[in-house]
N, C-alpha and C. Protein backbone atom coordinates (compact mmCIF):
# COMPACT_ATOMS: atom_id res chain seq x y z
N MET A 1 -47.04 139.41 143.01
CA MET A 1 -46.54 138.56 143.97
C MET A 1 -47.74 138.20 145.01
N TYR A 2 -48.53 139.20 145.30
CA TYR A 2 -49.65 138.88 146.30
C TYR A 2 -50.63 138.04 145.52
N ARG A 3 -50.94 138.27 144.30
CA ARG A 3 -51.80 137.33 143.48
C ARG A 3 -51.28 135.78 143.46
N LYS A 4 -49.92 135.69 143.28
CA LYS A 4 -49.42 134.29 143.31
C LYS A 4 -49.60 133.58 144.74
N HIS A 5 -49.39 134.36 145.65
CA HIS A 5 -49.65 133.82 147.10
C HIS A 5 -51.09 133.45 147.40
N LEU A 6 -51.94 134.31 146.85
CA LEU A 6 -53.38 134.01 147.12
C LEU A 6 -53.81 132.76 146.23
N ARG A 7 -53.23 132.78 145.15
CA ARG A 7 -53.50 131.50 144.28
C ARG A 7 -53.10 130.17 144.96
N ASN A 8 -51.86 130.25 145.38
CA ASN A 8 -51.24 129.08 146.09
C ASN A 8 -51.98 128.65 147.23
N LEU A 9 -52.42 129.55 148.07
CA LEU A 9 -53.40 129.39 149.27
C LEU A 9 -54.56 128.95 148.87
N THR A 10 -55.25 129.33 147.73
CA THR A 10 -56.55 128.88 147.26
C THR A 10 -56.46 127.44 146.86
N VAL A 11 -55.30 127.16 145.99
CA VAL A 11 -54.95 125.85 145.52
C VAL A 11 -54.93 124.82 146.76
N ALA A 12 -54.16 125.22 147.63
CA ALA A 12 -53.88 124.27 148.84
C ALA A 12 -55.18 124.13 149.56
N ALA A 13 -56.00 125.12 149.68
CA ALA A 13 -57.29 124.89 150.36
C ALA A 13 -58.07 123.98 149.76
N MET A 14 -58.26 124.20 148.26
CA MET A 14 -59.03 123.32 147.52
C MET A 14 -58.60 121.99 147.46
N VAL A 15 -57.29 121.68 147.46
CA VAL A 15 -56.87 120.40 147.52
C VAL A 15 -57.20 119.76 148.85
N ALA A 16 -56.90 120.38 150.04
CA ALA A 16 -57.32 119.89 151.30
C ALA A 16 -58.83 119.44 151.39
N ALA A 17 -59.71 120.37 150.91
CA ALA A 17 -61.18 120.23 150.84
C ALA A 17 -61.41 118.84 150.05
N LEU A 18 -60.92 118.72 148.94
CA LEU A 18 -61.15 117.53 148.04
C LEU A 18 -60.63 116.27 148.63
N TYR A 19 -59.53 116.44 149.41
CA TYR A 19 -58.87 115.15 149.98
C TYR A 19 -59.88 114.83 151.26
N VAL A 20 -60.43 115.76 151.93
CA VAL A 20 -61.38 115.32 152.95
C VAL A 20 -62.61 114.75 152.33
N LEU A 21 -63.27 115.34 151.33
CA LEU A 21 -64.42 114.94 150.52
C LEU A 21 -64.15 113.52 150.09
N PHE A 22 -63.04 113.28 149.36
CA PHE A 22 -62.97 111.89 148.82
C PHE A 22 -62.56 110.86 149.87
N THR A 23 -61.91 111.33 150.89
CA THR A 23 -61.78 110.33 152.02
C THR A 23 -63.07 109.97 152.74
N TRP A 24 -63.95 110.91 152.81
CA TRP A 24 -65.20 110.80 153.44
C TRP A 24 -66.09 109.83 152.48
N LEU A 25 -66.19 110.09 151.19
CA LEU A 25 -66.80 109.20 150.13
C LEU A 25 -66.35 107.74 150.29
N ALA A 26 -65.05 107.55 150.24
CA ALA A 26 -64.50 106.04 150.40
C ALA A 26 -64.92 105.59 151.66
N ALA A 27 -64.89 106.24 152.81
CA ALA A 27 -65.39 105.78 154.12
C ALA A 27 -66.83 105.25 154.03
N VAL A 28 -67.70 106.23 153.49
CA VAL A 28 -69.14 106.01 153.44
C VAL A 28 -69.43 104.79 152.54
N LEU A 29 -68.69 104.52 151.48
CA LEU A 29 -68.91 103.43 150.70
C LEU A 29 -68.12 102.16 151.19
N GLY A 30 -67.62 102.27 152.36
CA GLY A 30 -66.98 101.17 152.96
C GLY A 30 -65.54 100.70 152.23
N LEU A 31 -65.01 101.58 151.49
CA LEU A 31 -63.74 101.11 150.75
C LEU A 31 -62.53 101.37 151.49
N SER A 32 -62.57 102.18 152.47
CA SER A 32 -61.38 102.80 153.19
C SER A 32 -61.10 101.80 154.42
N SER A 33 -61.88 100.86 154.75
CA SER A 33 -61.71 100.16 156.05
C SER A 33 -61.49 98.47 155.63
N GLN A 34 -61.36 98.30 154.40
CA GLN A 34 -61.25 96.80 154.01
C GLN A 34 -59.73 96.44 154.14
N PRO A 35 -59.34 95.17 154.03
CA PRO A 35 -58.06 94.76 154.00
C PRO A 35 -57.17 95.60 153.06
N ILE A 36 -57.76 95.56 151.75
CA ILE A 36 -57.05 96.58 150.79
C ILE A 36 -57.95 97.80 150.72
N GLN A 37 -57.32 98.78 151.13
CA GLN A 37 -58.03 100.12 151.41
C GLN A 37 -57.98 100.87 150.00
N LEU A 38 -59.02 101.26 149.53
CA LEU A 38 -59.08 102.06 148.48
C LEU A 38 -59.54 103.53 148.81
N ARG A 39 -58.71 104.31 148.66
CA ARG A 39 -59.09 105.69 149.30
C ARG A 39 -58.79 106.63 147.99
N PHE A 40 -59.99 107.21 147.44
CA PHE A 40 -60.04 108.04 146.34
C PHE A 40 -59.01 109.13 146.66
N SER A 41 -59.09 109.65 147.71
CA SER A 41 -58.22 110.93 148.19
C SER A 41 -56.75 110.61 147.76
N GLU A 42 -56.21 109.43 147.78
CA GLU A 42 -54.89 109.28 147.59
C GLU A 42 -54.52 109.52 146.09
N ALA A 43 -55.44 109.57 145.23
CA ALA A 43 -55.30 109.86 143.71
C ALA A 43 -54.79 111.23 143.64
N LEU A 44 -55.08 112.22 144.65
CA LEU A 44 -54.74 113.43 144.58
C LEU A 44 -53.33 113.64 144.86
N CYS A 45 -52.59 112.71 145.39
CA CYS A 45 -51.17 112.72 145.79
C CYS A 45 -50.25 113.05 144.43
N ILE A 46 -50.78 112.94 143.39
CA ILE A 46 -50.07 113.19 142.11
C ILE A 46 -50.15 114.88 141.76
N LEU A 47 -50.88 115.56 142.48
CA LEU A 47 -51.03 117.03 142.32
C LEU A 47 -49.70 117.88 142.42
N PRO A 48 -48.86 117.39 143.37
CA PRO A 48 -47.53 118.15 143.39
C PRO A 48 -46.83 118.22 142.00
N TYR A 49 -47.11 117.16 141.27
CA TYR A 49 -46.61 117.27 139.72
C TYR A 49 -46.89 118.59 139.07
N PHE A 50 -47.97 119.13 139.41
CA PHE A 50 -48.44 120.50 138.85
C PHE A 50 -48.03 121.72 139.55
N THR A 51 -48.17 121.56 140.88
CA THR A 51 -47.82 122.77 141.63
C THR A 51 -47.37 122.42 143.14
N PRO A 52 -46.43 123.22 143.62
CA PRO A 52 -46.10 122.78 145.05
C PRO A 52 -47.07 123.30 146.03
N ALA A 53 -48.11 124.06 145.56
CA ALA A 53 -49.09 124.45 146.47
C ALA A 53 -49.91 123.25 146.92
N ALA A 54 -49.95 122.16 146.14
CA ALA A 54 -50.73 121.10 146.54
C ALA A 54 -50.08 120.31 147.74
N ILE A 55 -48.81 120.46 148.04
CA ILE A 55 -48.23 119.85 149.27
C ILE A 55 -48.83 120.11 150.53
N PRO A 56 -48.93 121.39 150.86
CA PRO A 56 -49.66 121.72 152.23
C PRO A 56 -50.98 121.23 152.12
N GLY A 57 -51.70 121.35 151.01
CA GLY A 57 -53.08 120.98 150.94
C GLY A 57 -53.27 119.45 151.01
N LEU A 58 -52.37 118.66 150.49
CA LEU A 58 -52.47 117.17 150.80
C LEU A 58 -52.23 116.85 152.33
N PHE A 59 -51.24 117.46 152.88
CA PHE A 59 -50.84 117.27 154.34
C PHE A 59 -52.08 117.74 155.16
N ILE A 60 -52.63 118.82 155.12
CA ILE A 60 -53.71 119.35 155.64
C ILE A 60 -54.91 118.57 155.62
N GLY A 61 -55.23 118.06 154.41
CA GLY A 61 -56.39 117.30 153.84
C GLY A 61 -56.26 116.04 154.71
N CYS A 62 -55.28 115.36 154.62
CA CYS A 62 -54.96 114.14 155.30
C CYS A 62 -55.14 114.23 156.84
N LEU A 63 -54.65 115.24 157.43
CA LEU A 63 -54.68 115.46 158.89
C LEU A 63 -56.17 115.71 159.22
N LEU A 64 -56.80 116.52 158.39
CA LEU A 64 -58.21 116.72 158.81
C LEU A 64 -59.04 115.42 158.60
N SER A 65 -58.75 114.73 157.54
CA SER A 65 -59.56 113.49 157.36
C SER A 65 -59.32 112.53 158.39
N ASN A 66 -58.08 112.37 158.89
CA ASN A 66 -57.86 111.48 159.95
C ASN A 66 -58.51 111.89 161.14
N LEU A 67 -58.52 113.11 161.46
CA LEU A 67 -59.10 113.66 162.76
C LEU A 67 -60.59 113.48 162.74
N LEU A 68 -61.32 113.81 161.51
CA LEU A 68 -62.75 113.67 161.24
C LEU A 68 -63.23 112.26 161.23
N THR A 69 -62.37 111.27 160.83
CA THR A 69 -62.94 109.92 160.73
C THR A 69 -62.41 109.11 161.85
N GLY A 70 -62.04 109.65 162.96
CA GLY A 70 -61.84 109.11 164.04
C GLY A 70 -60.58 108.24 164.19
N ALA A 71 -59.65 108.51 163.39
CA ALA A 71 -58.34 107.67 163.37
C ALA A 71 -57.67 107.77 164.81
N VAL A 72 -56.89 106.73 165.03
CA VAL A 72 -56.13 106.80 166.17
C VAL A 72 -55.03 107.93 166.13
N ILE A 73 -54.55 108.25 167.23
CA ILE A 73 -53.50 109.24 167.27
C ILE A 73 -52.25 108.97 166.38
N TRP A 74 -51.84 107.84 166.42
CA TRP A 74 -50.76 107.40 165.66
C TRP A 74 -50.98 107.54 164.11
N ASP A 75 -52.22 107.23 163.59
CA ASP A 75 -52.58 107.47 162.27
C ASP A 75 -52.81 108.96 162.00
N ILE A 76 -53.25 109.77 162.87
CA ILE A 76 -53.46 111.13 162.62
C ILE A 76 -52.04 111.82 162.32
N VAL A 77 -51.08 111.35 163.24
CA VAL A 77 -49.63 111.98 163.14
C VAL A 77 -48.87 111.25 161.93
N PHE A 78 -48.67 109.98 162.07
CA PHE A 78 -47.76 109.36 161.10
C PHE A 78 -48.42 109.14 159.66
N GLY A 79 -49.72 109.01 159.70
CA GLY A 79 -50.47 108.93 158.34
C GLY A 79 -50.35 110.21 157.66
N SER A 80 -50.52 111.27 158.24
CA SER A 80 -50.40 112.65 157.75
C SER A 80 -48.90 112.86 157.31
N LEU A 81 -47.93 112.48 158.18
CA LEU A 81 -46.51 112.49 157.70
C LEU A 81 -46.18 111.75 156.36
N ALA A 82 -46.78 110.68 156.41
CA ALA A 82 -46.61 109.70 155.30
C ALA A 82 -47.03 110.40 153.83
N THR A 83 -48.20 111.04 153.97
CA THR A 83 -48.79 111.80 152.83
C THR A 83 -47.84 112.99 152.56
N LEU A 84 -47.33 113.74 153.53
CA LEU A 84 -46.51 114.84 153.34
C LEU A 84 -45.21 114.43 152.74
N ILE A 85 -44.66 113.31 153.16
CA ILE A 85 -43.43 112.69 152.66
C ILE A 85 -43.59 112.19 151.06
N GLY A 86 -44.82 111.51 150.81
CA GLY A 86 -45.28 111.31 149.56
C GLY A 86 -45.45 112.39 148.55
N ALA A 87 -46.00 113.56 149.07
CA ALA A 87 -46.17 114.70 148.30
C ALA A 87 -44.89 115.48 148.00
N LEU A 88 -44.09 115.40 149.02
CA LEU A 88 -42.74 116.05 148.60
C LEU A 88 -41.96 115.30 147.56
N GLY A 89 -42.04 113.79 147.68
CA GLY A 89 -41.38 113.10 146.71
C GLY A 89 -42.09 113.14 145.28
N THR A 90 -43.36 113.23 145.17
CA THR A 90 -43.98 113.54 143.88
C THR A 90 -43.37 114.80 143.38
N TYR A 91 -43.27 115.75 144.08
CA TYR A 91 -42.83 117.08 143.56
C TYR A 91 -41.41 117.03 142.99
N ALA A 92 -40.52 116.17 143.89
CA ALA A 92 -39.15 115.96 143.46
C ALA A 92 -39.07 115.19 141.98
N LEU A 93 -40.08 114.50 141.82
CA LEU A 93 -40.10 113.63 140.49
C LEU A 93 -40.85 114.18 139.53
N ARG A 94 -41.36 115.49 139.48
CA ARG A 94 -42.20 116.19 138.64
C ARG A 94 -41.77 116.10 137.21
N ARG A 95 -40.54 116.02 137.00
CA ARG A 95 -40.11 115.88 135.64
C ARG A 95 -40.37 114.54 134.85
N HIS A 96 -40.80 113.60 135.66
CA HIS A 96 -41.05 112.13 135.31
C HIS A 96 -42.44 111.68 135.51
N SER A 97 -43.43 112.16 134.76
CA SER A 97 -44.72 111.92 135.29
C SER A 97 -45.14 110.38 135.72
N TRP A 98 -44.56 109.63 135.04
CA TRP A 98 -44.99 108.16 135.31
C TRP A 98 -44.36 107.53 136.61
N LEU A 99 -43.45 108.41 137.23
CA LEU A 99 -42.87 108.03 138.48
C LEU A 99 -43.48 108.69 139.58
N THR A 100 -44.41 109.84 139.41
CA THR A 100 -44.92 110.63 140.44
C THR A 100 -45.76 109.82 141.52
N PRO A 101 -46.43 108.73 141.12
CA PRO A 101 -47.09 108.03 142.32
C PRO A 101 -46.28 107.26 143.15
N LEU A 102 -45.03 106.89 142.78
CA LEU A 102 -44.21 106.00 143.63
C LEU A 102 -43.87 106.55 145.03
N PRO A 103 -43.49 107.81 145.25
CA PRO A 103 -43.41 108.23 146.57
C PRO A 103 -44.33 108.20 147.53
N PRO A 104 -45.67 108.38 147.08
CA PRO A 104 -46.85 108.20 147.96
C PRO A 104 -47.09 106.81 148.31
N ILE A 105 -46.81 105.92 147.29
CA ILE A 105 -47.12 104.48 147.47
C ILE A 105 -46.00 104.00 148.46
N ALA A 106 -44.88 104.29 148.08
CA ALA A 106 -43.76 103.78 149.07
C ALA A 106 -43.91 104.37 150.45
N ALA A 107 -44.26 105.54 150.72
CA ALA A 107 -44.36 106.16 152.03
C ALA A 107 -45.36 105.51 152.75
N ASN A 108 -46.63 105.33 152.13
CA ASN A 108 -47.57 104.62 152.81
C ASN A 108 -47.40 103.27 152.99
N ALA A 109 -46.71 102.44 152.10
CA ALA A 109 -46.53 101.04 152.24
C ALA A 109 -45.41 100.73 153.33
N ILE A 110 -44.60 101.66 153.67
CA ILE A 110 -43.72 101.62 154.79
C ILE A 110 -44.15 102.06 156.08
N ILE A 111 -44.84 103.28 156.07
CA ILE A 111 -45.21 103.69 157.33
C ILE A 111 -46.53 103.23 157.96
N ILE A 112 -47.56 103.22 157.15
CA ILE A 112 -48.85 102.61 157.53
C ILE A 112 -49.01 101.30 158.22
N PRO A 113 -48.17 100.36 157.55
CA PRO A 113 -48.25 99.04 158.32
C PRO A 113 -47.61 99.09 159.72
N LEU A 114 -46.69 99.88 160.00
CA LEU A 114 -46.16 100.13 161.46
C LEU A 114 -47.28 100.76 162.36
N VAL A 115 -47.97 101.77 161.69
CA VAL A 115 -49.10 102.35 162.36
C VAL A 115 -50.32 101.37 162.69
N ILE A 116 -50.53 100.50 161.79
CA ILE A 116 -51.65 99.57 162.06
C ILE A 116 -51.20 98.45 163.08
N ALA A 117 -49.99 98.16 162.90
CA ALA A 117 -49.49 97.01 163.78
C ALA A 117 -49.50 97.55 165.23
N TYR A 118 -48.84 98.61 165.38
CA TYR A 118 -48.47 99.16 166.78
C TYR A 118 -49.78 99.75 167.55
N SER A 119 -50.78 100.23 166.55
CA SER A 119 -52.00 100.73 167.23
C SER A 119 -52.99 99.75 167.57
N THR A 120 -52.83 98.44 167.03
CA THR A 120 -53.79 97.38 167.16
C THR A 120 -53.37 96.30 167.91
N LEU A 121 -52.09 96.18 167.95
CA LEU A 121 -51.62 94.84 168.64
C LEU A 121 -50.56 95.26 169.65
N PRO A 122 -50.24 94.29 170.68
CA PRO A 122 -49.34 94.42 171.70
C PRO A 122 -47.90 94.32 170.92
N ALA A 123 -47.01 95.13 171.34
CA ALA A 123 -45.57 95.24 170.68
C ALA A 123 -44.95 93.87 170.45
N ASP A 124 -45.14 92.93 171.38
CA ASP A 124 -44.53 91.58 171.13
C ASP A 124 -45.24 90.69 170.26
N ALA A 125 -46.59 91.12 169.72
CA ALA A 125 -47.20 90.34 168.70
C ALA A 125 -46.80 90.83 167.29
N VAL A 126 -46.15 91.84 167.10
CA VAL A 126 -45.71 92.43 165.86
C VAL A 126 -44.50 91.68 165.35
N THR A 127 -44.70 91.07 164.26
CA THR A 127 -43.64 90.27 163.66
C THR A 127 -43.41 90.71 162.30
N LEU A 128 -42.18 90.41 161.69
CA LEU A 128 -41.82 90.91 160.36
C LEU A 128 -42.92 90.37 159.21
N PRO A 129 -43.31 89.03 159.28
CA PRO A 129 -44.29 88.64 158.40
C PRO A 129 -45.60 89.36 158.39
N LEU A 130 -45.96 89.71 159.66
CA LEU A 130 -47.24 90.47 159.86
C LEU A 130 -47.16 91.91 159.17
N LEU A 131 -46.03 92.49 159.33
CA LEU A 131 -45.71 93.85 158.78
C LEU A 131 -45.67 93.79 157.35
N LEU A 132 -44.86 92.74 156.75
CA LEU A 132 -44.93 92.54 155.25
C LEU A 132 -46.32 92.29 154.57
N GLY A 133 -47.24 91.51 155.49
CA GLY A 133 -48.50 91.30 155.10
C GLY A 133 -49.40 92.66 154.90
N TYR A 134 -49.23 93.54 156.07
CA TYR A 134 -49.85 94.71 156.04
C TYR A 134 -49.23 95.71 155.00
N ALA A 135 -47.91 95.63 154.69
CA ALA A 135 -47.32 96.45 153.66
C ALA A 135 -47.93 95.94 152.39
N ALA A 136 -47.99 94.76 152.08
CA ALA A 136 -48.63 94.21 150.75
C ALA A 136 -50.01 94.74 150.67
N THR A 137 -50.89 94.64 151.57
CA THR A 137 -52.48 95.20 151.46
C THR A 137 -52.43 96.76 151.31
N VAL A 138 -51.58 97.45 152.13
CA VAL A 138 -51.50 98.89 152.02
C VAL A 138 -51.03 99.22 150.68
N GLY A 139 -49.92 98.53 150.17
CA GLY A 139 -49.29 98.79 148.94
C GLY A 139 -50.19 98.54 147.69
N ILE A 140 -50.98 97.59 147.89
CA ILE A 140 -52.01 97.13 146.78
C ILE A 140 -53.09 98.39 146.57
N GLY A 141 -53.59 98.82 147.81
CA GLY A 141 -54.49 99.90 147.81
C GLY A 141 -53.97 101.04 147.27
N GLU A 142 -52.53 101.48 147.55
CA GLU A 142 -52.02 102.69 147.13
C GLU A 142 -51.73 102.59 145.62
N LEU A 143 -51.34 101.25 145.16
CA LEU A 143 -51.21 101.12 143.64
C LEU A 143 -52.59 101.43 142.85
N LEU A 144 -53.66 101.01 143.44
CA LEU A 144 -54.94 101.20 142.87
C LEU A 144 -55.26 102.75 143.00
N SER A 145 -55.18 103.35 144.09
CA SER A 145 -55.71 104.59 144.13
C SER A 145 -54.73 105.74 143.63
N CYS A 146 -53.59 105.62 144.25
CA CYS A 146 -52.53 106.59 143.67
C CYS A 146 -51.80 106.25 142.45
N GLY A 147 -51.46 104.97 142.23
CA GLY A 147 -50.99 104.60 140.81
C GLY A 147 -51.99 104.56 139.81
N LEU A 148 -52.96 103.77 139.81
CA LEU A 148 -53.95 103.80 138.81
C LEU A 148 -54.85 105.03 138.62
N LEU A 149 -55.59 105.36 139.74
CA LEU A 149 -56.49 106.59 139.58
C LEU A 149 -55.66 107.72 139.54
N GLY A 150 -54.49 107.88 140.25
CA GLY A 150 -53.69 109.10 140.25
C GLY A 150 -52.99 109.38 138.91
N LEU A 151 -52.42 108.27 138.25
CA LEU A 151 -52.04 108.60 136.84
C LEU A 151 -53.10 108.84 135.86
N LEU A 152 -54.31 108.32 135.97
CA LEU A 152 -55.30 108.73 135.13
C LEU A 152 -55.75 110.20 135.46
N LEU A 153 -55.77 110.59 136.78
CA LEU A 153 -56.10 112.03 137.06
C LEU A 153 -55.05 112.88 136.41
N LEU A 154 -53.83 112.48 136.56
CA LEU A 154 -52.56 113.27 136.07
C LEU A 154 -52.68 113.60 134.53
N HIS A 155 -53.04 112.46 133.85
CA HIS A 155 -53.16 112.63 132.34
C HIS A 155 -54.36 113.40 131.94
N LEU A 156 -55.48 113.40 132.64
CA LEU A 156 -56.60 114.21 132.50
C LEU A 156 -56.35 115.56 132.63
N LEU A 157 -55.82 115.81 133.89
CA LEU A 157 -55.58 117.24 134.04
C LEU A 157 -54.42 117.91 133.40
N ASP A 158 -53.34 117.21 132.97
CA ASP A 158 -52.24 117.64 132.12
C ASP A 158 -52.76 118.51 131.03
N LYS A 159 -53.84 118.29 130.30
CA LYS A 159 -54.49 118.85 129.16
C LYS A 159 -54.83 120.31 129.51
N HIS A 160 -55.02 120.57 130.78
CA HIS A 160 -55.58 121.83 131.37
C HIS A 160 -54.83 122.41 132.44
N ARG A 161 -53.44 121.99 132.43
CA ARG A 161 -52.60 122.36 133.62
C ARG A 161 -52.44 123.97 133.66
N HIS A 162 -52.21 124.62 132.63
CA HIS A 162 -51.93 126.06 132.77
C HIS A 162 -53.29 126.75 133.21
N ALA A 163 -54.35 126.38 132.82
CA ALA A 163 -55.65 126.96 133.19
C ALA A 163 -55.96 126.78 134.70
N LEU A 164 -55.60 125.53 135.15
CA LEU A 164 -55.91 125.08 136.38
C LEU A 164 -54.80 125.55 137.46
N PHE A 165 -53.56 125.42 137.06
CA PHE A 165 -52.44 125.73 138.00
C PHE A 165 -51.58 126.94 137.76
N GLY A 166 -51.78 127.62 136.60
CA GLY A 166 -51.06 128.73 136.27
C GLY A 166 -49.71 128.19 135.80
N GLU A 167 -48.75 129.21 135.85
CA GLU A 167 -47.35 128.89 135.44
C GLU A 167 -47.34 128.76 134.01
């Protein structure tokens, strides 16, 4: 029992560290601040497919990334919650590998446009077309990072799932 808890804690810590590293890499390359954000770290949101230990790792990794990259408080809080919701959804869909990227894509495409709009504009300037535009750009970025890169990662890791994640 102790070994399983230690393994889960280690997996969560490694996922959090990788999330921070990949977020930093995308920021350094200037990919995370474009209209269509490509965040390599979002590919890791498929990891709950393999183990529930990835869920707290993703949440903590996102929280730390947002803190370390100077995100606004709303992004720190709600961006991290979007990642947590996405990770929980991925775990819930773990029996259907092709569907696992959908919860993080949806959570981010719904929550992050609100964060962007309300943290950068006066409330009376936020309109439905503006939110839909933000949702489109965030959604495209998520489709690329979580959908495309995430599914590629899932299928690469699936061959070694027992060695990497146990069970």
